[in-house]
Amino acid sequence: MRNISISYAKGEWLLILDADEVLIDYSNIIKFF
């Protein structure tokens, strides 16, 4: 499923999280974009 999702991506960057990962502090990512 990940490969299918990547094939549809149009941006310059991708953020991929597995089911067992958690993004706690995403404020720096928002500032970056």
N, C-alpha and C. Protein backbone atom coordinates (compact mmCIF):
# COMPACT_ATOMS: atom_id res chain seq x y z
N MET A 1 0.82 -1.19 0.00
CA MET A 1 0.00 0.00 0.00
C MET A 1 0.87 1.26 0.00
N ARG A 2 2.00 1.20 0.67
CA ARG A 2 2.88 2.37 0.72
C ARG A 2 3.37 2.75 -0.67
N ASN A 3 3.75 1.78 -1.46
CA ASN A 3 4.25 2.08 -2.80
C ASN A 3 3.18 2.72 -3.66
N ILE A 4 1.94 2.29 -3.50
CA ILE A 4 0.84 2.89 -4.25
C ILE A 4 0.66 4.35 -3.83
N SER A 5 0.70 4.59 -2.53
CA SER A 5 0.56 5.96 -2.03
C SER A 5 1.68 6.85 -2.54
N ILE A 6 2.89 6.34 -2.54
CA ILE A 6 4.04 7.13 -3.01
C ILE A 6 3.89 7.45 -4.50
N SER A 7 3.34 6.53 -5.26
CA SER A 7 3.19 6.80 -6.69
C SER A 7 2.20 7.93 -6.96
N TYR A 8 1.29 8.21 -6.04
CA TYR A 8 0.33 9.30 -6.19
C TYR A 8 0.84 10.62 -5.60
N ALA A 9 1.93 10.59 -4.87
CA ALA A 9 2.44 11.80 -4.23
C ALA A 9 2.94 12.79 -5.27
N LYS A 10 2.67 14.06 -5.04
CA LYS A 10 3.06 15.09 -5.99
C LYS A 10 4.01 16.11 -5.39
N GLY A 11 4.23 16.05 -4.10
CA GLY A 11 5.07 17.04 -3.44
C GLY A 11 6.54 16.69 -3.52
N GLU A 12 7.33 17.59 -3.01
CA GLU A 12 8.78 17.40 -3.00
C GLU A 12 9.21 16.51 -1.84
N TRP A 13 8.42 16.51 -0.76
CA TRP A 13 8.74 15.75 0.44
C TRP A 13 7.64 14.75 0.76
N LEU A 14 8.02 13.65 1.41
CA LEU A 14 7.06 12.66 1.90
C LEU A 14 7.35 12.39 3.37
N LEU A 15 6.32 12.26 4.15
CA LEU A 15 6.44 11.86 5.54
C LEU A 15 5.71 10.54 5.68
N ILE A 16 6.46 9.50 6.02
CA ILE A 16 5.88 8.17 6.14
C ILE A 16 6.04 7.69 7.57
N LEU A 17 4.93 7.33 8.17
CA LEU A 17 4.92 6.77 9.52
C LEU A 17 4.35 5.36 9.46
N ASP A 18 4.99 4.45 10.17
CA ASP A 18 4.45 3.11 10.31
C ASP A 18 3.38 3.10 11.39
N ALA A 19 2.64 2.03 11.48
CA ALA A 19 1.54 1.94 12.43
C ALA A 19 2.02 2.01 13.88
N ASP A 20 3.27 1.65 14.13
CA ASP A 20 3.78 1.67 15.50
C ASP A 20 4.57 2.94 15.83
N GLU A 21 4.53 3.93 14.96
CA GLU A 21 5.23 5.19 15.18
C GLU A 21 4.23 6.31 15.48
N VAL A 22 4.68 7.27 16.28
CA VAL A 22 3.83 8.39 16.67
C VAL A 22 4.60 9.69 16.44
N LEU A 23 3.95 10.64 15.84
CA LEU A 23 4.53 11.97 15.64
C LEU A 23 3.98 12.87 16.73
N ILE A 24 4.80 13.12 17.75
CA ILE A 24 4.32 13.86 18.92
C ILE A 24 4.43 15.37 18.71
N ASP A 25 5.60 15.85 18.39
CA ASP A 25 5.79 17.29 18.21
C ASP A 25 5.99 17.58 16.73
N TYR A 26 4.95 18.00 16.07
CA TYR A 26 5.01 18.25 14.65
C TYR A 26 5.07 19.74 14.32
N SER A 27 5.27 20.58 15.32
CA SER A 27 5.28 22.03 15.09
C SER A 27 6.44 22.45 14.17
N ASN A 28 7.59 21.82 14.29
CA ASN A 28 8.72 22.17 13.41
C ASN A 28 8.44 21.78 11.96
N ILE A 29 7.72 20.71 11.76
CA ILE A 29 7.37 20.30 10.40
C ILE A 29 6.42 21.33 9.79
N ILE A 30 5.45 21.79 10.56
CA ILE A 30 4.51 22.79 10.07
C ILE A 30 5.24 24.09 9.74
N LYS A 31 6.18 24.50 10.57
CA LYS A 31 6.95 25.72 10.31
C LYS A 31 7.80 25.58 9.04
N PHE A 32 8.31 24.38 8.81
CA PHE A 32 9.15 24.13 7.65
C PHE A 32 8.38 24.35 6.35
N PHE A 33 7.13 23.95 6.35
CA PHE A 33 6.32 24.07 5.14
C PHE A 33 5.52 25.34 5.17
